[in-house]
């Protein structure tokens, strides 16, 4: 069951990919390593469409079809 949809999903994928990309770009490779690890979380939640924190707190970013 998806709880991350639409624009939020795209934003998570782009932001996560940017953070992971910073790890491999430029002279800051060693310095920005933690940002790459942090970027994996929004990247995966955006790809999968499910956020465990949303489930834990009972929040959903998708509108239900009625």
PDB file of N, CA and C in Angstrom:
ATOM      1  N   UNK A   1       0.833  -1.172   0.000  1.00  0.00           N
ATOM      2  CA  UNK A   1       0.000   0.000   0.000  1.00  0.00           C
ATOM      3  C   UNK A   1       0.886   1.247   0.000  1.00  0.00           C
ATOM      4  N   UNK A   2       0.665   2.136  -0.939  1.00  0.00           N
ATOM      5  CA  UNK A   2       1.475   3.340  -1.085  1.00  0.00           C
ATOM      6  C   UNK A   2       0.987   4.444  -0.163  1.00  0.00           C
ATOM      7  N   UNK A   3       1.935   5.149   0.436  1.00  0.00           N
ATOM      8  CA  UNK A   3       1.569   6.311   1.230  1.00  0.00           C
ATOM      9  C   UNK A   3       2.375   7.546   0.816  1.00  0.00           C
ATOM     10  N   UNK A   4       3.159   7.420  -0.253  1.00  0.00           N
ATOM     11  CA  UNK A   4       3.891   8.543  -0.836  1.00  0.00           C
ATOM     12  C   UNK A   4       3.522   8.582  -2.306  1.00  0.00           C
ATOM     13  N   UNK A   5       2.887   9.666  -2.756  1.00  0.00           N
ATOM     14  CA  UNK A   5       2.404   9.736  -4.139  1.00  0.00           C
ATOM     15  C   UNK A   5       2.699  11.088  -4.765  1.00  0.00           C
ATOM     16  N   UNK A   6       2.539  11.130  -6.068  1.00  0.00           N
ATOM     17  CA  UNK A   6       2.560  12.361  -6.832  1.00  0.00           C
ATOM     18  C   UNK A   6       3.834  13.161  -6.742  1.00  0.00           C
ATOM     19  N   UNK A   7       3.653  14.458  -6.517  1.00  0.00           N
ATOM     20  CA  UNK A   7       4.761  15.397  -6.500  1.00  0.00           C
ATOM     21  C   UNK A   7       5.748  15.070  -5.383  1.00  0.00           C
ATOM     22  N   UNK A   8       5.243  14.657  -4.237  1.00  0.00           N
ATOM     23  CA  UNK A   8       6.131  14.317  -3.124  1.00  0.00           C
ATOM     24  C   UNK A   8       7.071  13.174  -3.507  1.00  0.00           C
ATOM     25  N   UNK A   9       6.567  12.227  -4.243  1.00  0.00           N
ATOM     26  CA  UNK A   9       7.382  11.090  -4.671  1.00  0.00           C
ATOM     27  C   UNK A   9       8.508  11.547  -5.590  1.00  0.00           C
ATOM     28  N   UNK A  10       8.181  12.431  -6.528  1.00  0.00           N
ATOM     29  CA  UNK A  10       9.193  12.958  -7.452  1.00  0.00           C
ATOM     30  C   UNK A  10      10.240  13.768  -6.692  1.00  0.00           C
ATOM     31  N   UNK A  11       9.795  14.594  -5.746  1.00  0.00           N
ATOM     32  CA  UNK A  11      10.724  15.398  -4.950  1.00  0.00           C
ATOM     33  C   UNK A  11      11.661  14.509  -4.144  1.00  0.00           C
ATOM     34  N   UNK A  12      11.136  13.453  -3.570  1.00  0.00           N
ATOM     35  CA  UNK A  12      11.981  12.521  -2.801  1.00  0.00           C
ATOM     36  C   UNK A  12      13.036  11.867  -3.694  1.00  0.00           C
ATOM     37  N   UNK A  13      12.645  11.454  -4.885  1.00  0.00           N
ATOM     38  CA  UNK A  13      13.592  10.807  -5.796  1.00  0.00           C
ATOM     39  C   UNK A  13      14.674  11.782  -6.218  1.00  0.00           C
ATOM     40  N   UNK A  14      14.301  12.990  -6.588  1.00  0.00           N
ATOM     41  CA  UNK A  14      15.274  13.992  -7.041  1.00  0.00           C
ATOM     42  C   UNK A  14      16.216  14.392  -5.903  1.00  0.00           C
ATOM     43  N   UNK A  15      15.666  14.660  -4.722  1.00  0.00           N
ATOM     44  CA  UNK A  15      16.489  15.059  -3.584  1.00  0.00           C
ATOM     45  C   UNK A  15      17.430  13.932  -3.158  1.00  0.00           C
ATOM     46  N   UNK A  16      16.912  12.720  -3.114  1.00  0.00           N
ATOM     47  CA  UNK A  16      17.748  11.581  -2.741  1.00  0.00           C
ATOM     48  C   UNK A  16      18.858  11.338  -3.735  1.00  0.00           C
ATOM     49  N   UNK A  17      18.533  11.424  -5.030  1.00  0.00           N
ATOM     50  CA  UNK A  17      19.548  11.233  -6.068  1.00  0.00           C
ATOM     51  C   UNK A  17      20.608  12.336  -6.009  1.00  0.00           C
ATOM     52  N   UNK A  18      20.181  13.563  -5.708  1.00  0.00           N
ATOM     53  CA  UNK A  18      21.133  14.672  -5.591  1.00  0.00           C
ATOM     54  C   UNK A  18      22.094  14.449  -4.426  1.00  0.00           C
ATOM     55  N   UNK A  19      21.569  14.014  -3.283  1.00  0.00           N
ATOM     56  CA  UNK A  19      22.437  13.764  -2.125  1.00  0.00           C
ATOM     57  C   UNK A  19      23.398  12.605  -2.377  1.00  0.00           C
ATOM     58  N   UNK A  20      22.912  11.561  -2.996  1.00  0.00           N
ATOM     59  CA  UNK A  20      23.785  10.431  -3.323  1.00  0.00           C
ATOM     60  C   UNK A  20      24.819  10.870  -4.358  1.00  0.00           C
ATOM     61  N   UNK A  21      24.399  11.671  -5.335  1.00  0.00           N
ATOM     62  CA  UNK A  21      25.318  12.159  -6.363  1.00  0.00           C
ATOM     63  C   UNK A  21      26.418  13.035  -5.801  1.00  0.00           C
ATOM     64  N   UNK A  22      26.118  13.817  -4.769  1.00  0.00           N
ATOM     65  CA  UNK A  22      27.145  14.655  -4.142  1.00  0.00           C
ATOM     66  C   UNK A  22      28.285  13.834  -3.557  1.00  0.00           C
ATOM     67  N   UNK A  23      27.979  12.639  -3.158  1.00  0.00           N
ATOM     68  CA  UNK A  23      29.005  11.762  -2.579  1.00  0.00           C
ATOM     69  C   UNK A  23      30.078  11.411  -3.595  1.00  0.00           C
ATOM     70  N   UNK A  24      29.688  11.306  -4.857  1.00  0.00           N
ATOM     71  CA  UNK A  24      30.621  10.886  -5.897  1.00  0.00           C
ATOM     72  C   UNK A  24      31.154  12.037  -6.738  1.00  0.00           C
ATOM     73  N   UNK A  25      30.743  13.275  -6.450  1.00  0.00           N
ATOM     74  CA  UNK A  25      31.113  14.409  -7.292  1.00  0.00           C
ATOM     75  C   UNK A  25      32.118  15.319  -6.599  1.00  0.00           C
ATOM     76  N   UNK A  26      33.031  15.816  -7.365  1.00  0.00           N
ATOM     77  CA  UNK A  26      33.930  16.861  -6.917  1.00  0.00           C
ATOM     78  C   UNK A  26      34.970  16.424  -5.903  1.00  0.00           C
ATOM     79  N   UNK A  27      35.674  17.410  -5.385  1.00  0.00           N
ATOM     80  CA  UNK A  27      36.760  17.136  -4.432  1.00  0.00           C
ATOM     81  C   UNK A  27      36.279  16.816  -3.026  1.00  0.00           C
ATOM     82  N   UNK A  28      34.950  16.872  -2.815  1.00  0.00           N
ATOM     83  CA  UNK A  28      34.408  16.656  -1.477  1.00  0.00           C
ATOM     84  C   UNK A  28      34.015  15.211  -1.233  1.00  0.00           C
ATOM     85  N   UNK A  29      34.508  14.295  -1.999  1.00  0.00           N
ATOM     86  CA  UNK A  29      34.085  12.901  -1.949  1.00  0.00           C
ATOM     87  C   UNK A  29      34.090  12.346  -0.528  1.00  0.00           C
ATOM     88  N   UNK A  30      35.141  12.531   0.207  1.00  0.00           N
ATOM     89  CA  UNK A  30      35.226  11.995   1.566  1.00  0.00           C
ATOM     90  C   UNK A  30      34.406  12.767   2.568  1.00  0.00           C
ATOM     91  N   UNK A  31      34.287  14.076   2.362  1.00  0.00           N
ATOM     92  CA  UNK A  31      33.596  14.932   3.320  1.00  0.00           C
ATOM     93  C   UNK A  31      32.088  14.709   3.283  1.00  0.00           C
ATOM     94  N   UNK A  32      31.515  14.528   2.098  1.00  0.00           N
ATOM     95  CA  UNK A  32      30.074  14.426   1.955  1.00  0.00           C
ATOM     96  C   UNK A  32      29.546  13.001   2.016  1.00  0.00           C
ATOM     97  N   UNK A  33      30.359  12.057   2.431  1.00  0.00           N
ATOM     98  CA  UNK A  33      29.935  10.656   2.488  1.00  0.00           C
ATOM     99  C   UNK A  33      28.671  10.455   3.320  1.00  0.00           C
ATOM    100  N   UNK A  34      28.527  11.085   4.495  1.00  0.00           N
ATOM    101  CA  UNK A  34      27.285  10.895   5.270  1.00  0.00           C
ATOM    102  C   UNK A  34      26.048  11.380   4.523  1.00  0.00           C
ATOM    103  N   UNK A  35      26.162  12.434   3.719  1.00  0.00           N
ATOM    104  CA  UNK A  35      25.005  12.928   2.963  1.00  0.00           C
ATOM    105  C   UNK A  35      24.538  11.900   1.955  1.00  0.00           C
ATOM    106  N   UNK A  36      25.461  11.135   1.408  1.00  0.00           N
ATOM    107  CA  UNK A  36      25.080  10.074   0.481  1.00  0.00           C
ATOM    108  C   UNK A  36      24.272   8.990   1.161  1.00  0.00           C
ATOM    109  N   UNK A  37      24.660   8.652   2.381  1.00  0.00           N
ATOM    110  CA  UNK A  37      23.911   7.652   3.143  1.00  0.00           C
ATOM    111  C   UNK A  37      22.532   8.175   3.510  1.00  0.00           C
ATOM    112  N   UNK A  38      22.455   9.450   3.886  1.00  0.00           N
ATOM    113  CA  UNK A  38      21.172  10.057   4.211  1.00  0.00           C
ATOM    114  C   UNK A  38      20.288  10.119   2.969  1.00  0.00           C
ATOM    115  N   UNK A  39      20.876  10.368   1.804  1.00  0.00           N
ATOM    116  CA  UNK A  39      20.131  10.471   0.555  1.00  0.00           C
ATOM    117  C   UNK A  39      19.495   9.168   0.104  1.00  0.00           C
ATOM    118  N   UNK A  40      20.004   8.050   0.590  1.00  0.00           N
ATOM    119  CA  UNK A  40      19.439   6.751   0.217  1.00  0.00           C
ATOM    120  C   UNK A  40      18.003   6.612   0.733  1.00  0.00           C
ATOM    121  N   UNK A  41      17.703   7.189   1.889  1.00  0.00           N
ATOM    122  CA  UNK A  41      16.374   7.061   2.488  1.00  0.00           C
ATOM    123  C   UNK A  41      15.289   7.699   1.616  1.00  0.00           C
ATOM    124  N   UNK A  42      15.391   8.995   1.262  1.00  0.00           N
ATOM    125  CA  UNK A  42      14.339   9.555   0.409  1.00  0.00           C
ATOM    126  C   UNK A  42      14.320   8.936  -0.983  1.00  0.00           C
ATOM    127  N   UNK A  43      15.472   8.535  -1.480  1.00  0.00           N
ATOM    128  CA  UNK A  43      15.519   7.897  -2.791  1.00  0.00           C
ATOM    129  C   UNK A  43      14.727   6.589  -2.788  1.00  0.00           C
ATOM    130  N   UNK A  44      14.958   5.750  -1.810  1.00  0.00           N
ATOM    131  CA  UNK A  44      14.240   4.469  -1.741  1.00  0.00           C
ATOM    132  C   UNK A  44      12.756   4.639  -1.439  1.00  0.00           C
ATOM    133  N   UNK A  45      12.419   5.566  -0.531  1.00  0.00           N
ATOM    134  CA  UNK A  45      10.999   5.760  -0.225  1.00  0.00           C
ATOM    135  C   UNK A  45      10.260   6.350  -1.424  1.00  0.00           C
ATOM    136  N   UNK A  46      10.943   7.156  -2.216  1.00  0.00           N
ATOM    137  CA  UNK A  46      10.328   7.693  -3.422  1.00  0.00           C
ATOM    138  C   UNK A  46      10.135   6.635  -4.486  1.00  0.00           C
ATOM    139  N   UNK A  47      11.115   5.765  -4.653  1.00  0.00           N
ATOM    140  CA  UNK A  47      11.020   4.696  -5.657  1.00  0.00           C
ATOM    141  C   UNK A  47       9.949   3.684  -5.272  1.00  0.00           C
ATOM    142  N   UNK A  48       9.948   3.279  -4.014  1.00  0.00           N
ATOM    143  CA  UNK A  48       9.010   2.261  -3.551  1.00  0.00           C
ATOM    144  C   UNK A  48       7.604   2.837  -3.369  1.00  0.00           C
ATOM    145  N   UNK A  49       7.520   4.111  -2.963  1.00  0.00           N
ATOM    146  CA  UNK A  49       6.221   4.742  -2.748  1.00  0.00           C
ATOM    147  C   UNK A  49       5.644   4.484  -1.369  1.00  0.00           C
ATOM    148  N   UNK A  50       6.484   4.052  -0.454  1.00  0.00           N
ATOM    149  CA  UNK A  50       6.039   3.745   0.901  1.00  0.00           C
ATOM    150  C   UNK A  50       7.071   4.273   1.893  1.00  0.00           C
ATOM    151  N   UNK A  51       6.601   5.011   2.893  1.00  0.00           N
ATOM    152  CA  UNK A  51       7.470   5.575   3.921  1.00  0.00           C
ATOM    153  C   UNK A  51       7.106   4.964   5.269  1.00  0.00           C
ATOM    154  N   UNK A  52       8.048   4.284   5.928  1.00  0.00           N
ATOM    155  CA  UNK A  52       7.749   3.665   7.215  1.00  0.00           C
ATOM    156  C   UNK A  52       7.369   4.681   8.291  1.00  0.00           C
ATOM    157  N   UNK A  53       7.939   5.878   8.249  1.00  0.00           N
ATOM    158  CA  UNK A  53       7.590   6.899   9.241  1.00  0.00           C
ATOM    159  C   UNK A  53       6.137   7.339   9.088  1.00  0.00           C
ATOM    160  N   UNK A  54       5.668   7.447   7.844  1.00  0.00           N
ATOM    161  CA  UNK A  54       4.262   7.795   7.613  1.00  0.00           C
ATOM    162  C   UNK A  54       3.350   6.724   8.196  1.00  0.00           C
ATOM    163  N   UNK A  55       3.711   5.481   8.027  1.00  0.00           N
ATOM    164  CA  UNK A  55       2.904   4.385   8.573  1.00  0.00           C
ATOM    165  C   UNK A  55       2.909   4.411  10.099  1.00  0.00           C
ATOM    166  N   UNK A  56       4.063   4.695  10.676  1.00  0.00           N
ATOM    167  CA  UNK A  56       4.199   4.724  12.128  1.00  0.00           C
ATOM    168  C   UNK A  56       3.310   5.795  12.763  1.00  0.00           C
ATOM    169  N   UNK A  57       3.257   6.968  12.115  1.00  0.00           N
ATOM    170  CA  UNK A  57       2.479   8.082  12.659  1.00  0.00           C
ATOM    171  C   UNK A  57       1.082   8.197  12.072  1.00  0.00           C
ATOM    172  N   UNK A  58       0.702   7.269  11.200  1.00  0.00           N
ATOM    173  CA  UNK A  58      -0.635   7.259  10.638  1.00  0.00           C
ATOM    174  C   UNK A  58      -0.914   8.357   9.625  1.00  0.00           C
ATOM    175  N   UNK A  59       0.125   8.817   8.957  1.00  0.00           N
ATOM    176  CA  UNK A  59      -0.007   9.881   7.976  1.00  0.00           C
ATOM    177  C   UNK A  59       0.124   9.285   6.590  1.00  0.00           C
ATOM    178  N   UNK A  60      -0.643   9.796   5.642  1.00  0.00           N
ATOM    179  CA  UNK A  60      -0.534   9.326   4.273  1.00  0.00           C
ATOM    180  C   UNK A  60      -0.536  10.490   3.309  1.00  0.00           C
ATOM    181  N   UNK A  61       0.370  10.481   2.348  1.00  0.00           N
ATOM    182  CA  UNK A  61       0.451  11.555   1.374  1.00  0.00           C
ATOM    183  C   UNK A  61      -0.427  11.336   0.169  1.00  0.00           C
ATOM    184  N   UNK A  62      -1.064  10.179   0.065  1.00  0.00           N
ATOM    185  CA  UNK A  62      -1.936   9.858  -1.072  1.00  0.00           C
ATOM    186  C   UNK A  62      -3.393  10.097  -0.711  1.00  0.00           C
ATOM    187  N   UNK A  63      -4.098  10.636  -1.661  1.00  0.00           N
ATOM    188  CA  UNK A  63      -5.533  10.790  -1.466  1.00  0.00           C
ATOM    189  C   UNK A  63      -6.209   9.468  -1.842  1.00  0.00           C
ATOM    190  N   UNK A  64      -7.137   9.058  -1.045  1.00  0.00           N
ATOM    191  CA  UNK A  64      -7.830   7.815  -1.339  1.00  0.00           C
ATOM    192  C   UNK A  64      -8.879   8.056  -2.423  1.00  0.00           C
ATOM    193  N   UNK A  65      -9.040   7.079  -3.290  1.00  0.00           N
ATOM    194  CA  UNK A  65     -10.042   7.179  -4.348  1.00  0.00           C
ATOM    195  C   UNK A  65     -11.404   6.817  -3.773  1.00  0.00           C
ATOM    196  N   UNK A  66     -12.330   7.747  -3.879  1.00  0.00           N
ATOM    197  CA  UNK A  66     -13.671   7.488  -3.330  1.00  0.00           C
ATOM    198  C   UNK A  66     -14.682   7.446  -4.419  1.00  0.00           C
TER     199      UNK A  66
END
